[in-house]
Amino acid sequence: MAIDPTQPYDDGNIFAKILRGEIPSNRIYEDEWAVAFEDINPQAAVHTLVIPRGAYVSWDDFSARASDAEIAGFVRAVGAVARAKGLVEPGYRLLANVGGHGGQEVPHLHVHLFGGEPLGRMIAR
């Protein structure tokens, strides 16, 4: 189901439940701004999700409403996870789906980190 990024935040979404500890996750990083955990259905050798602790539906919502400290903290967390996973030198892909056309399925901002193998073209033509 595609998400409308203009809709209000739904605190019953799966990532909100993970943040509250209601659903287990394999957390590999957390700080005051973000939590990172392994995707339960990995699409690459490395597939890690990074989510902000704040209630943001999408990248658009986050960029419009988050404080400067939240934005900086989240971006730094994504970088810290990529470095910790050893992805910087061989390369990796960041992906944030936004809304229906972007394929967003969970109404909580999340960034996918893919790596650990050659990933090919971003969009097949």
PDB file of N, CA and C in Angstrom:
ATOM      1  N   MET A   1       0.842  -1.179   0.000  1.00  0.00           N
ATOM      2  CA  MET A   1       0.000   0.000   0.000  1.00  0.00           C
ATOM      3  C   MET A   1       0.888   1.244   0.000  1.00  0.00           C
ATOM      4  N   ALA A   2       0.658   2.141  -0.921  1.00  0.00           N
ATOM      5  CA  ALA A   2       1.433   3.371  -1.003  1.00  0.00           C
ATOM      6  C   ALA A   2       0.942   4.379   0.032  1.00  0.00           C
ATOM      7  N   ILE A   3       1.843   5.215   0.479  1.00  0.00           N
ATOM      8  CA  ILE A   3       1.580   6.196   1.527  1.00  0.00           C
ATOM      9  C   ILE A   3       1.409   7.577   0.921  1.00  0.00           C
ATOM     10  N   ASP A   4       0.466   8.336   1.456  1.00  0.00           N
ATOM     11  CA  ASP A   4       0.306   9.750   1.096  1.00  0.00           C
ATOM     12  C   ASP A   4       1.112  10.549   2.112  1.00  0.00           C
ATOM     13  N   PRO A   5       2.248  11.171   1.694  1.00  0.00           N
ATOM     14  CA  PRO A   5       3.117  11.845   2.655  1.00  0.00           C
ATOM     15  C   PRO A   5       2.515  13.105   3.262  1.00  0.00           C
ATOM     16  N   THR A   6       1.340  13.526   2.784  1.00  0.00           N
ATOM     17  CA  THR A   6       0.702  14.705   3.363  1.00  0.00           C
ATOM     18  C   THR A   6      -0.242  14.340   4.507  1.00  0.00           C
ATOM     19  N   GLN A   7      -0.466  13.057   4.731  1.00  0.00           N
ATOM     20  CA  GLN A   7      -1.365  12.616   5.800  1.00  0.00           C
ATOM     21  C   GLN A   7      -0.688  12.780   7.156  1.00  0.00           C
ATOM     22  N   PRO A   8      -1.491  12.911   8.223  1.00  0.00           N
ATOM     23  CA  PRO A   8      -0.908  13.016   9.568  1.00  0.00           C
ATOM     24  C   PRO A   8      -0.143  11.751   9.934  1.00  0.00           C
ATOM     25  N   TYR A   9       0.789  11.912  10.843  1.00  0.00           N
ATOM     26  CA  TYR A   9       1.588  10.781  11.311  1.00  0.00           C
ATOM     27  C   TYR A   9       0.697   9.763  12.012  1.00  0.00           C
ATOM     28  N   ASP A  10       0.900   8.490  11.711  1.00  0.00           N
ATOM     29  CA  ASP A  10       0.160   7.387  12.331  1.00  0.00           C
ATOM     30  C   ASP A  10       1.088   6.698  13.326  1.00  0.00           C
ATOM     31  N   ASP A  11       0.859   6.904  14.623  1.00  0.00           N
ATOM     32  CA  ASP A  11       1.769   6.317  15.613  1.00  0.00           C
ATOM     33  C   ASP A  11       1.571   4.816  15.792  1.00  0.00           C
ATOM     34  N   GLY A  12       0.714   4.215  14.984  1.00  0.00           N
ATOM     35  CA  GLY A  12       0.560   2.764  14.996  1.00  0.00           C
ATOM     36  C   GLY A  12       1.379   2.073  13.926  1.00  0.00           C
ATOM     37  N   ASN A  13       2.195   2.822  13.176  1.00  0.00           N
ATOM     38  CA  ASN A  13       2.988   2.192  12.124  1.00  0.00           C
ATOM     39  C   ASN A  13       4.095   1.324  12.732  1.00  0.00           C
ATOM     40  N   ILE A  14       4.602   0.404  11.931  1.00  0.00           N
ATOM     41  CA  ILE A  14       5.565  -0.589  12.424  1.00  0.00           C
ATOM     42  C   ILE A  14       6.843   0.047  12.968  1.00  0.00           C
ATOM     43  N   PHE A  15       7.317   1.136  12.367  1.00  0.00           N
ATOM     44  CA  PHE A  15       8.551   1.752  12.853  1.00  0.00           C
ATOM     45  C   PHE A  15       8.318   2.481  14.166  1.00  0.00           C
ATOM     46  N   ALA A  16       7.143   3.063  14.355  1.00  0.00           N
ATOM     47  CA  ALA A  16       6.810   3.668  15.650  1.00  0.00           C
ATOM     48  C   ALA A  16       6.793   2.587  16.729  1.00  0.00           C
ATOM     49  N   LYS A  17       6.268   1.417  16.386  1.00  0.00           N
ATOM     50  CA  LYS A  17       6.232   0.299  17.340  1.00  0.00           C
ATOM     51  C   LYS A  17       7.641  -0.202  17.647  1.00  0.00           C
ATOM     52  N   ILE A  18       8.512  -0.223  16.639  1.00  0.00           N
ATOM     53  CA  ILE A  18       9.914  -0.613  16.872  1.00  0.00           C
ATOM     54  C   ILE A  18      10.579   0.400  17.797  1.00  0.00           C
ATOM     55  N   LEU A  19      10.352   1.695  17.557  1.00  0.00           N
ATOM     56  CA  LEU A  19      10.943   2.725  18.421  1.00  0.00           C
ATOM     57  C   LEU A  19      10.498   2.566  19.870  1.00  0.00           C
ATOM     58  N   ARG A  20       9.244   2.189  20.081  1.00  0.00           N
ATOM     59  CA  ARG A  20       8.718   2.012  21.436  1.00  0.00           C
ATOM     60  C   ARG A  20       9.087   0.664  22.037  1.00  0.00           C
ATOM     61  N   GLY A  21       9.722  -0.216  21.275  1.00  0.00           N
ATOM     62  CA  GLY A  21      10.103  -1.529  21.778  1.00  0.00           C
ATOM     63  C   GLY A  21       8.972  -2.535  21.782  1.00  0.00           C
ATOM     64  N   GLU A  22       7.885  -2.248  21.087  1.00  0.00           N
ATOM     65  CA  GLU A  22       6.744  -3.159  21.027  1.00  0.00           C
ATOM     66  C   GLU A  22       6.969  -4.286  20.029  1.00  0.00           C
ATOM     67  N   ILE A  23       7.840  -4.045  19.065  1.00  0.00           N
ATOM     68  CA  ILE A  23       8.212  -5.038  18.065  1.00  0.00           C
ATOM     69  C   ILE A  23       9.727  -5.163  18.113  1.00  0.00           C
ATOM     70  N   PRO A  24      10.246  -6.391  18.183  1.00  0.00           N
ATOM     71  CA  PRO A  24      11.706  -6.540  18.244  1.00  0.00           C
ATOM     72  C   PRO A  24      12.367  -6.172  16.916  1.00  0.00           C
ATOM     73  N   SER A  25      13.613  -5.743  17.025  1.00  0.00           N
ATOM     74  CA  SER A  25      14.417  -5.451  15.835  1.00  0.00           C
ATOM     75  C   SER A  25      15.872  -5.723  16.184  1.00  0.00           C
ATOM     76  N   ASN A  26      16.656  -5.968  15.161  1.00  0.00           N
ATOM     77  CA  ASN A  26      18.088  -6.170  15.327  1.00  0.00           C
ATOM     78  C   ASN A  26      18.757  -4.804  15.204  1.00  0.00           C
ATOM     79  N   ARG A  27      18.736  -4.045  16.321  1.00  0.00           N
ATOM     80  CA  ARG A  27      19.303  -2.690  16.312  1.00  0.00           C
ATOM     81  C   ARG A  27      20.815  -2.765  16.239  1.00  0.00           C
ATOM     82  N   ILE A  28      21.361  -1.973  15.338  1.00  0.00           N
ATOM     83  CA  ILE A  28      22.815  -1.948  15.201  1.00  0.00           C
ATOM     84  C   ILE A  28      23.387  -0.588  15.549  1.00  0.00           C
ATOM     85  N   TYR A  29      22.507   0.405  15.727  1.00  0.00           N
ATOM     86  CA  TYR A  29      22.943   1.755  16.062  1.00  0.00           C
ATOM     87  C   TYR A  29      21.765   2.490  16.673  1.00  0.00           C
ATOM     88  N   GLU A  30      22.038   3.311  17.676  1.00  0.00           N
ATOM     89  CA  GLU A  30      21.025   4.247  18.151  1.00  0.00           C
ATOM     90  C   GLU A  30      21.692   5.369  18.909  1.00  0.00           C
ATOM     91  N   ASP A  31      21.092   6.535  18.783  1.00  0.00           N
ATOM     92  CA  ASP A  31      21.518   7.706  19.531  1.00  0.00           C
ATOM     93  C   ASP A  31      20.267   8.536  19.807  1.00  0.00           C
ATOM     94  N   GLU A  32      20.431   9.758  20.224  1.00  0.00           N
ATOM     95  CA  GLU A  32      19.259  10.555  20.574  1.00  0.00           C
ATOM     96  C   GLU A  32      18.414  10.948  19.373  1.00  0.00           C
ATOM     97  N   TRP A  33      18.954  10.814  18.150  1.00  0.00           N
ATOM     98  CA  TRP A  33      18.250  11.268  16.955  1.00  0.00           C
ATOM     99  C   TRP A  33      17.711  10.150  16.083  1.00  0.00           C
ATOM    100  N   ALA A  34      18.335   8.983  16.127  1.00  0.00           N
ATOM    101  CA  ALA A  34      18.006   7.941  15.153  1.00  0.00           C
ATOM    102  C   ALA A  34      18.230   6.545  15.720  1.00  0.00           C
ATOM    103  N   VAL A  35      17.614   5.588  15.045  1.00  0.00           N
ATOM    104  CA  VAL A  35      17.802   4.171  15.329  1.00  0.00           C
ATOM    105  C   VAL A  35      18.033   3.484  13.991  1.00  0.00           C
ATOM    106  N   ALA A  36      18.978   2.548  13.958  1.00  0.00           N
ATOM    107  CA  ALA A  36      19.230   1.760  12.748  1.00  0.00           C
ATOM    108  C   ALA A  36      19.099   0.290  13.090  1.00  0.00           C
ATOM    109  N   PHE A  37      18.530  -0.457  12.161  1.00  0.00           N
ATOM    110  CA  PHE A  37      18.329  -1.895  12.364  1.00  0.00           C
ATOM    111  C   PHE A  37      18.341  -2.589  11.012  1.00  0.00           C
ATOM    112  N   GLU A  38      18.573  -3.895  11.052  1.00  0.00           N
ATOM    113  CA  GLU A  38      18.638  -4.685   9.832  1.00  0.00           C
ATOM    114  C   GLU A  38      17.231  -4.909   9.281  1.00  0.00           C
ATOM    115  N   ASP A  39      17.096  -4.815   7.959  1.00  0.00           N
ATOM    116  CA  ASP A  39      15.818  -5.075   7.311  1.00  0.00           C
ATOM    117  C   ASP A  39      15.479  -6.557   7.449  1.00  0.00           C
ATOM    118  N   ILE A  40      14.222  -6.877   7.748  1.00  0.00           N
ATOM    119  CA  ILE A  40      13.839  -8.283   7.930  1.00  0.00           C
ATOM    120  C   ILE A  40      13.689  -9.018   6.603  1.00  0.00           C
ATOM    121  N   ASN A  41      13.661  -8.283   5.497  1.00  0.00           N
ATOM    122  CA  ASN A  41      13.573  -8.878   4.173  1.00  0.00           C
ATOM    123  C   ASN A  41      14.628  -8.222   3.283  1.00  0.00           C
ATOM    124  N   PRO A  42      15.919  -8.505   3.537  1.00  0.00           N
ATOM    125  CA  PRO A  42      16.991  -7.777   2.846  1.00  0.00           C
ATOM    126  C   PRO A  42      16.959  -7.952   1.333  1.00  0.00           C
ATOM    127  N   GLN A  43      17.237  -6.834   0.648  1.00  0.00           N
ATOM    128  CA  GLN A  43      17.262  -6.811  -0.809  1.00  0.00           C
ATOM    129  C   GLN A  43      18.686  -6.723  -1.352  1.00  0.00           C
ATOM    130  N   ALA A  44      19.681  -6.757  -0.469  1.00  0.00           N
ATOM    131  CA  ALA A  44      21.097  -6.746  -0.849  1.00  0.00           C
ATOM    132  C   ALA A  44      21.863  -7.429   0.281  1.00  0.00           C
ATOM    133  N   ALA A  45      23.147  -7.681   0.056  1.00  0.00           N
ATOM    134  CA  ALA A  45      23.965  -8.320   1.088  1.00  0.00           C
ATOM    135  C   ALA A  45      23.908  -7.532   2.391  1.00  0.00           C
ATOM    136  N   VAL A  46      23.937  -6.210   2.287  1.00  0.00           N
ATOM    137  CA  VAL A  46      23.719  -5.324   3.429  1.00  0.00           C
ATOM    138  C   VAL A  46      22.467  -4.519   3.133  1.00  0.00           C
ATOM    139  N   HIS A  47      21.508  -4.568   4.037  1.00  0.00           N
ATOM    140  CA  HIS A  47      20.270  -3.784   3.895  1.00  0.00           C
ATOM    141  C   HIS A  47      19.859  -3.349   5.293  1.00  0.00           C
ATOM    142  N   THR A  48      20.196  -2.119   5.610  1.00  0.00           N
ATOM    143  CA  THR A  48      19.954  -1.554   6.934  1.00  0.00           C
ATOM    144  C   THR A  48      19.001  -0.374   6.797  1.00  0.00           C
ATOM    145  N   LEU A  49      18.098  -0.236   7.747  1.00  0.00           N
ATOM    146  CA  LEU A  49      17.170   0.892   7.784  1.00  0.00           C
ATOM    147  C   LEU A  49      17.598   1.847   8.879  1.00  0.00           C
ATOM    148  N   VAL A  50      17.526   3.142   8.587  1.00  0.00           N
ATOM    149  CA  VAL A  50      17.799   4.174   9.585  1.00  0.00           C
ATOM    150  C   VAL A  50      16.547   5.040   9.670  1.00  0.00           C
ATOM    151  N   ILE A  51      16.037   5.224  10.897  1.00  0.00           N
ATOM    152  CA  ILE A  51      14.824   6.005  11.097  1.00  0.00           C
ATOM    153  C   ILE A  51      15.076   7.077  12.155  1.00  0.00           C
ATOM    154  N   PRO A  52      14.464   8.247  11.978  1.00  0.00           N
ATOM    155  CA  PRO A  52      14.580   9.252  13.035  1.00  0.00           C
ATOM    156  C   PRO A  52      13.684   8.866  14.213  1.00  0.00           C
ATOM    157  N   ARG A  53      14.025   9.323  15.398  1.00  0.00           N
ATOM    158  CA  ARG A  53      13.185   9.070  16.568  1.00  0.00           C
ATOM    159  C   ARG A  53      11.907   9.898  16.538  1.00  0.00           C
ATOM    160  N   GLY A  54      11.931  11.018  15.812  1.00  0.00           N
ATOM    161  CA  GLY A  54      10.763  11.884  15.740  1.00  0.00           C
ATOM    162  C   GLY A  54       9.679  11.326  14.839  1.00  0.00           C
ATOM    163  N   ALA A  55       8.465  11.828  15.031  1.00  0.00           N
ATOM    164  CA  ALA A  55       7.283  11.374  14.287  1.00  0.00           C
ATOM    165  C   ALA A  55       7.168  12.121  12.960  1.00  0.00           C
ATOM    166  N   TYR A  56       7.847  11.616  11.945  1.00  0.00           N
ATOM    167  CA  TYR A  56       7.836  12.227  10.614  1.00  0.00           C
ATOM    168  C   TYR A  56       7.385  11.202   9.594  1.00  0.00           C
ATOM    169  N   VAL A  57       6.428  11.576   8.756  1.00  0.00           N
ATOM    170  CA  VAL A  57       5.866  10.661   7.766  1.00  0.00           C
ATOM    171  C   VAL A  57       6.864  10.358   6.655  1.00  0.00           C
ATOM    172  N   SER A  58       7.563  11.380   6.179  1.00  0.00           N
ATOM    173  CA  SER A  58       8.396  11.221   4.981  1.00  0.00           C
ATOM    174  C   SER A  58       9.557  12.211   5.023  1.00  0.00           C
ATOM    175  N   TRP A  59      10.420  12.098   4.007  1.00  0.00           N
ATOM    176  CA  TRP A  59      11.529  13.051   3.891  1.00  0.00           C
ATOM    177  C   TRP A  59      10.992  14.462   3.754  1.00  0.00           C
ATOM    178  N   ASP A  60       9.907  14.633   3.012  1.00  0.00           N
ATOM    179  CA  ASP A  60       9.313  15.956   2.851  1.00  0.00           C
ATOM    180  C   ASP A  60       8.845  16.507   4.199  1.00  0.00           C
ATOM    181  N   ASP A  61       8.138  15.704   4.958  1.00  0.00           N
ATOM    182  CA  ASP A  61       7.650  16.104   6.278  1.00  0.00           C
ATOM    183  C   ASP A  61       8.826  16.450   7.190  1.00  0.00           C
ATOM    184  N   PHE A  62       9.844  15.615   7.189  1.00  0.00           N
ATOM    185  CA  PHE A  62      11.027  15.812   8.024  1.00  0.00           C
ATOM    186  C   PHE A  62      11.754  17.106   7.657  1.00  0.00           C
ATOM    187  N   SER A  63      11.969  17.327   6.370  1.00  0.00           N
ATOM    188  CA  SER A  63      12.714  18.513   5.946  1.00  0.00           C
ATOM    189  C   SER A  63      11.941  19.803   6.223  1.00  0.00           C
ATOM    190  N   ALA A  64      10.616  19.714   6.280  1.00  0.00           N
ATOM    191  CA  ALA A  64       9.794  20.888   6.539  1.00  0.00           C
ATOM    192  C   ALA A  64       9.618  21.170   8.032  1.00  0.00           C
ATOM    193  N   ARG A  65       9.558  20.123   8.872  1.00  0.00           N
ATOM    194  CA  ARG A  65       9.192  20.329  10.271  1.00  0.00           C
ATOM    195  C   ARG A  65      10.284  20.042  11.302  1.00  0.00           C
ATOM    196  N   ALA A  66      11.277  19.252  10.965  1.00  0.00           N
ATOM    197  CA  ALA A  66      12.297  18.882  11.948  1.00  0.00           C
ATOM    198  C   ALA A  66      13.186  20.076  12.277  1.00  0.00           C
ATOM    199  N   SER A  67      13.703  20.069  13.494  1.00  0.00           N
ATOM    200  CA  SER A  67      14.645  21.120  13.895  1.00  0.00           C
ATOM    201  C   SER A  67      15.978  20.905  13.189  1.00  0.00           C
ATOM    202  N   ASP A  68      16.777  21.952  13.167  1.00  0.00           N
ATOM    203  CA  ASP A  68      18.115  21.830  12.582  1.00  0.00           C
ATOM    204  C   ASP A  68      18.905  20.733  13.279  1.00  0.00           C
ATOM    205  N   ALA A  69      18.772  20.623  14.597  1.00  0.00           N
ATOM    206  CA  ALA A  69      19.497  19.598  15.355  1.00  0.00           C
ATOM    207  C   ALA A  69      19.033  18.199  14.963  1.00  0.00           C
ATOM    208  N   GLU A  70      17.720  18.004  14.773  1.00  0.00           N
ATOM    209  CA  GLU A  70      17.209  16.687  14.360  1.00  0.00           C
ATOM    210  C   GLU A  70      17.720  16.319  12.974  1.00  0.00           C
ATOM    211  N   ILE A  71      17.706  17.277  12.057  1.00  0.00           N
ATOM    212  CA  ILE A  71      18.171  17.002  10.696  1.00  0.00           C
ATOM    213  C   ILE A  71      19.655  16.646  10.705  1.00  0.00           C
ATOM    214  N   ALA A  72      20.450  17.456  11.384  1.00  0.00           N
ATOM    215  CA  ALA A  72      21.888  17.175  11.449  1.00  0.00           C
ATOM    216  C   ALA A  72      22.147  15.840  12.131  1.00  0.00           C
ATOM    217  N   GLY A  73      21.447  15.571  13.225  1.00  0.00           N
ATOM    218  CA  GLY A  73      21.638  14.315  13.953  1.00  0.00           C
ATOM    219  C   GLY A  73      21.288  13.110  13.118  1.00  0.00           C
ATOM    220  N   PHE A  74      20.196  13.201  12.354  1.00  0.00           N
ATOM    221  CA  PHE A  74      19.779  12.077  11.516  1.00  0.00           C
ATOM    222  C   PHE A  74      20.778  11.845  10.389  1.00  0.00           C
ATOM    223  N   VAL A  75      21.183  12.901   9.715  1.00  0.00           N
ATOM    224  CA  VAL A  75      22.149  12.761   8.619  1.00  0.00           C
ATOM    225  C   VAL A  75      23.467  12.186   9.140  1.00  0.00           C
ATOM    226  N   ARG A  76      23.910  12.657  10.292  1.00  0.00           N
ATOM    227  CA  ARG A  76      25.144  12.116  10.881  1.00  0.00           C
ATOM    228  C   ARG A  76      24.975  10.648  11.264  1.00  0.00           C
ATOM    229  N   ALA A  77      23.795  10.266  11.740  1.00  0.00           N
ATOM    230  CA  ALA A  77      23.539   8.866  12.090  1.00  0.00           C
ATOM    231  C   ALA A  77      23.630   7.979  10.849  1.00  0.00           C
ATOM    232  N   VAL A  78      23.064   8.431   9.738  1.00  0.00           N
ATOM    233  CA  VAL A  78      23.146   7.655   8.496  1.00  0.00           C
ATOM    234  C   VAL A  78      24.611   7.448   8.111  1.00  0.00           C
ATOM    235  N   GLY A  79      25.409   8.505   8.193  1.00  0.00           N
ATOM    236  CA  GLY A  79      26.834   8.389   7.887  1.00  0.00           C
ATOM    237  C   GLY A  79      27.558   7.460   8.840  1.00  0.00           C
ATOM    238  N   ALA A  80      27.243   7.541  10.125  1.00  0.00           N
ATOM    239  CA  ALA A  80      27.876   6.671  11.123  1.00  0.00           C
ATOM    240  C   ALA A  80      27.559   5.203  10.847  1.00  0.00           C
ATOM    241  N   VAL A  81      26.330   4.918  10.463  1.00  0.00           N
ATOM    242  CA  VAL A  81      25.946   3.530  10.160  1.00  0.00           C
ATOM    243  C   VAL A  81      26.690   3.038   8.920  1.00  0.00           C
ATOM    244  N   ALA A  82      26.757   3.862   7.878  1.00  0.00           N
ATOM    245  CA  ALA A  82      27.475   3.461   6.665  1.00  0.00           C
ATOM    246  C   ALA A  82      28.943   3.166   6.972  1.00  0.00           C
ATOM    247  N   ARG A  83      29.564   4.023   7.786  1.00  0.00           N
ATOM    248  CA  ARG A  83      30.970   3.778   8.154  1.00  0.00           C
ATOM    249  C   ARG A  83      31.098   2.515   8.998  1.00  0.00           C
ATOM    250  N   ALA A  84      30.223   2.327   9.967  1.00  0.00           N
ATOM    251  CA  ALA A  84      30.289   1.151  10.849  1.00  0.00           C
ATOM    252  C   ALA A  84      30.097  -0.146  10.062  1.00  0.00           C
ATOM    253  N   LYS A  85      29.291  -0.105   9.001  1.00  0.00           N
ATOM    254  CA  LYS A  85      29.047  -1.298   8.184  1.00  0.00           C
ATOM    255  C   LYS A  85      30.138  -1.509   7.140  1.00  0.00           C
ATOM    256  N   GLY A  86      31.131  -0.603   7.062  1.00  0.00           N
ATOM    257  CA  GLY A  86      32.217  -0.734   6.097  1.00  0.00           C
ATOM    258  C   GLY A  86      31.787  -0.485   4.667  1.00  0.00           C
ATOM    259  N   LEU A  87      30.793   0.385   4.478  1.00  0.00           N
ATOM    260  CA  LEU A  87      30.238   0.592   3.144  1.00  0.00           C
ATOM    261  C   LEU A  87      30.860   1.745   2.366  1.00  0.00           C
ATOM    262  N   VAL A  88      31.585   2.626   3.028  1.00  0.00           N
ATOM    263  CA  VAL A  88      32.036   3.850   2.372  1.00  0.00           C
ATOM    264  C   VAL A  88      32.990   3.559   1.214  1.00  0.00           C
ATOM    265  N   GLU A  89      34.032   2.786   1.443  1.00  0.00           N
ATOM    266  CA  GLU A  89      35.036   2.557   0.408  1.00  0.00           C
ATOM    267  C   GLU A  89      34.492   1.772  -0.785  1.00  0.00           C
ATOM    268  N   PRO A  90      33.803   0.650  -0.586  1.00  0.00           N
ATOM    269  CA  PRO A  90      33.319  -0.035  -1.789  1.00  0.00           C
ATOM    270  C   PRO A  90      32.135   0.684  -2.435  1.00  0.00           C
ATOM    271  N   GLY A  91      31.399   1.467  -1.641  1.00  0.00           N
ATOM    272  CA  GLY A  91      30.242   2.192  -2.146  1.00  0.00           C
ATOM    273  C   GLY A  91      28.940   1.574  -1.663  1.00  0.00           C
ATOM    274  N   TYR A  92      27.925   2.399  -1.654  1.00  0.00           N
ATOM    275  CA  TYR A  92      26.604   1.957  -1.197  1.00  0.00           C
ATOM    276  C   TYR A  92      25.534   2.843  -1.793  1.00  0.00           C
ATOM    277  N   ARG A  93      24.298   2.472  -1.575  1.00  0.00           N
ATOM    278  CA  ARG A  93      23.161   3.242  -2.065  1.00  0.00           C
ATOM    279  C   ARG A  93      22.289   3.639  -0.888  1.00  0.00           C
ATOM    280  N   LEU A  94      21.840   4.905  -0.897  1.00  0.00           N
ATOM    281  CA  LEU A  94      20.841   5.402   0.046  1.00  0.00           C
ATOM    282  C   LEU A  94      19.535   5.530  -0.708  1.00  0.00           C
ATOM    283  N   LEU A  95      18.439   5.129  -0.068  1.00  0.00           N
ATOM    284  CA  LEU A  95      17.142   5.244  -0.713  1.00  0.00           C
ATOM    285  C   LEU A  95      16.109   5.671   0.314  1.00  0.00           C
ATOM    286  N   ALA A  96      15.371   6.717  -0.002  1.00  0.00           N
ATOM    287  CA  ALA A  96      14.235   7.140   0.822  1.00  0.00           C
ATOM    288  C   ALA A  96      13.043   7.287  -0.112  1.00  0.00           C
ATOM    289  N   ASN A  97      12.087   6.397  -0.009  1.00  0.00           N
ATOM    290  CA  ASN A  97      10.877   6.466  -0.818  1.00  0.00           C
ATOM    291  C   ASN A  97       9.925   7.486  -0.200  1.00  0.00           C
ATOM    292  N   VAL A  98       9.285   8.296  -1.051  1.00  0.00           N
ATOM    293  CA  VAL A  98       8.346   9.305  -0.571  1.00  0.00           C
ATOM    294  C   VAL A  98       7.051   9.189  -1.367  1.00  0.00           C
ATOM    295  N   GLY A  99       5.967   8.914  -0.678  1.00  0.00           N
ATOM    296  CA  GLY A  99       4.646   8.898  -1.286  1.00  0.00           C
ATOM    297  C   GLY A  99       4.385   7.745  -2.225  1.00  0.00           C
ATOM    298  N   GLY A 100       3.204   7.799  -2.828  1.00  0.00           N
ATOM    299  CA  GLY A 100       2.745   6.718  -3.692  1.00  0.00           C
ATOM    300  C   GLY A 100       3.624   6.468  -4.898  1.00  0.00           C
ATOM    301  N   HIS A 101       3.988   7.515  -5.628  1.00  0.00           N
ATOM    302  CA  HIS A 101       4.825   7.318  -6.817  1.00  0.00           C
ATOM    303  C   HIS A 101       6.221   6.859  -6.440  1.00  0.00           C
ATOM    304  N   GLY A 102       6.682   7.222  -5.241  1.00  0.00           N
ATOM    305  CA  GLY A 102       8.001   6.811  -4.785  1.00  0.00           C
ATOM    306  C   GLY A 102       8.020   5.423  -4.168  1.00  0.00           C
ATOM    307  N   GLY A 103       6.841   4.834  -3.956  1.00  0.00           N
ATOM    308  CA  GLY A 103       6.770   3.473  -3.412  1.00  0.00           C
ATOM    309  C   GLY A 103       6.878   3.386  -1.904  1.00  0.00           C
ATOM    310  N   GLN A 104       6.625   4.482  -1.183  1.00  0.00           N
ATOM    311  CA  GLN A 104       6.712   4.443   0.275  1.00  0.00           C
ATOM    312  C   GLN A 104       5.606   3.557   0.838  1.00  0.00           C
ATOM    313  N   GLU A 105       5.988   2.613   1.710  1.00  0.00           N
ATOM    314  CA  GLU A 105       5.027   1.670   2.274  1.00  0.00           C
ATOM    315  C   GLU A 105       4.784   1.868   3.761  1.00  0.00           C
ATOM    316  N   VAL A 106       5.726   2.442   4.474  1.00  0.00           N
ATOM    317  CA  VAL A 106       5.567   2.674   5.913  1.00  0.00           C
ATOM    318  C   VAL A 106       5.548   4.180   6.145  1.00  0.00           C
ATOM    319  N   PRO A 107       4.535   4.690   6.855  1.00  0.00           N
ATOM    320  CA  PRO A 107       4.406   6.136   7.031  1.00  0.00           C
ATOM    321  C   PRO A 107       5.279   6.699   8.152  1.00  0.00           C
ATOM    322  N   HIS A 108       6.548   6.333   8.131  1.00  0.00           N
ATOM    323  CA  HIS A 108       7.563   6.896   9.030  1.00  0.00           C
ATOM    324  C   HIS A 108       8.816   7.037   8.182  1.00  0.00           C
ATOM    325  N   LEU A 109       9.416   8.235   8.170  1.00  0.00           N
ATOM    326  CA  LEU A 109      10.631   8.421   7.379  1.00  0.00           C
ATOM    327  C   LEU A 109      11.625   7.322   7.686  1.00  0.00           C
ATOM    328  N   HIS A 110      12.164   6.737   6.649  1.00  0.00           N
ATOM    329  CA  HIS A 110      13.227   5.751   6.803  1.00  0.00           C
ATOM    330  C   HIS A 110      14.123   5.794   5.573  1.00  0.00           C
ATOM    331  N   VAL A 111      15.399   5.574   5.830  1.00  0.00           N
ATOM    332  CA  VAL A 111      16.393   5.536   4.772  1.00  0.00           C
ATOM    333  C   VAL A 111      16.935   4.120   4.713  1.00  0.00           C
ATOM    334  N   HIS A 112      16.959   3.560   3.520  1.00  0.00           N
ATOM    335  CA  HIS A 112      17.553   2.246   3.295  1.00  0.00           C
ATOM    336  C   HIS A 112      19.022   2.447   2.932  1.00  0.00           C
ATOM    337  N   LEU A 113      19.912   1.685   3.541  1.00  0.00           N
ATOM    338  CA  LEU A 113      21.306   1.610   3.131  1.00  0.00           C
ATOM    339  C   LEU A 113      21.498   0.233   2.517  1.00  0.00           C
ATOM    340  N   PHE A 114      21.878   0.206   1.239  1.00  0.00           N
ATOM    341  CA  PHE A 114      22.141  -1.041   0.527  1.00  0.00           C
ATOM    342  C   PHE A 114      23.621  -1.104   0.196  1.00  0.00           C
ATOM    343  N   GLY A 115      24.217  -2.262   0.327  1.00  0.00           N
ATOM    344  CA  GLY A 115      25.615  -2.407  -0.053  1.00  0.00           C
ATOM    345  C   GLY A 115      26.088  -3.833   0.122  1.00  0.00           C
ATOM    346  N   GLY A 116      27.420  -3.963   0.155  1.00  0.00           N
ATOM    347  CA  GLY A 116      28.029  -5.269   0.331  1.00  0.00           C
ATOM    348  C   GLY A 116      28.181  -6.061  -0.943  1.00  0.00           C
ATOM    349  N   GLU A 117      27.745  -5.487  -2.054  1.00  0.00           N
ATOM    350  CA  GLU A 117      27.837  -6.138  -3.360  1.00  0.00           C
ATOM    351  C   GLU A 117      27.573  -5.075  -4.426  1.00  0.00           C
ATOM    352  N   PRO A 118      27.982  -5.315  -5.681  1.00  0.00           N
ATOM    353  CA  PRO A 118      27.620  -4.378  -6.750  1.00  0.00           C
ATOM    354  C   PRO A 118      26.093  -4.331  -6.892  1.00  0.00           C
ATOM    355  N   LEU A 119      25.554  -3.123  -6.958  1.00  0.00           N
ATOM    356  CA  LEU A 119      24.097  -2.963  -6.952  1.00  0.00           C
ATOM    357  C   LEU A 119      23.492  -2.709  -8.321  1.00  0.00           C
ATOM    358  N   GLY A 120      24.309  -2.427  -9.318  1.00  0.00           N
ATOM    359  CA  GLY A 120      23.775  -2.196 -10.649  1.00  0.00           C
ATOM    360  C   GLY A 120      23.143  -0.828 -10.791  1.00  0.00           C
ATOM    361  N   ARG A 121      22.418  -0.657 -11.879  1.00  0.00           N
ATOM    362  CA  ARG A 121      21.755   0.618 -12.154  1.00  0.00           C
ATOM    363  C   ARG A 121      20.688   0.905 -11.130  1.00  0.00           C
ATOM    364  N   MET A 122      20.470   2.178 -10.895  1.00  0.00           N
ATOM    365  CA  MET A 122      19.457   2.577  -9.927  1.00  0.00           C
ATOM    366  C   MET A 122      18.063   2.263 -10.440  1.00  0.00           C
ATOM    367  N   ILE A 123      17.769   2.641 -11.659  1.00  0.00           N
ATOM    368  CA  ILE A 123      16.466   2.381 -12.246  1.00  0.00           C
ATOM    369  C   ILE A 123      16.692   1.708 -13.599  1.00  0.00           C
ATOM    370  N   ALA A 124      16.142   0.520 -13.757  1.00  0.00           N
ATOM    371  CA  ALA A 124      16.268  -0.188 -15.025  1.00  0.00           C
ATOM    372  C   ALA A 124      15.438   0.530 -16.084  1.00  0.00           C
ATOM    373  N   ARG A 125      15.990   0.664 -17.246  1.00  0.00           N
ATOM    374  CA  ARG A 125      15.258   1.332 -18.347  1.00  0.00           C
ATOM    375  C   ARG A 125      14.948   0.335 -19.434  1.00  0.00           C
TER     376      ARG A 125
END
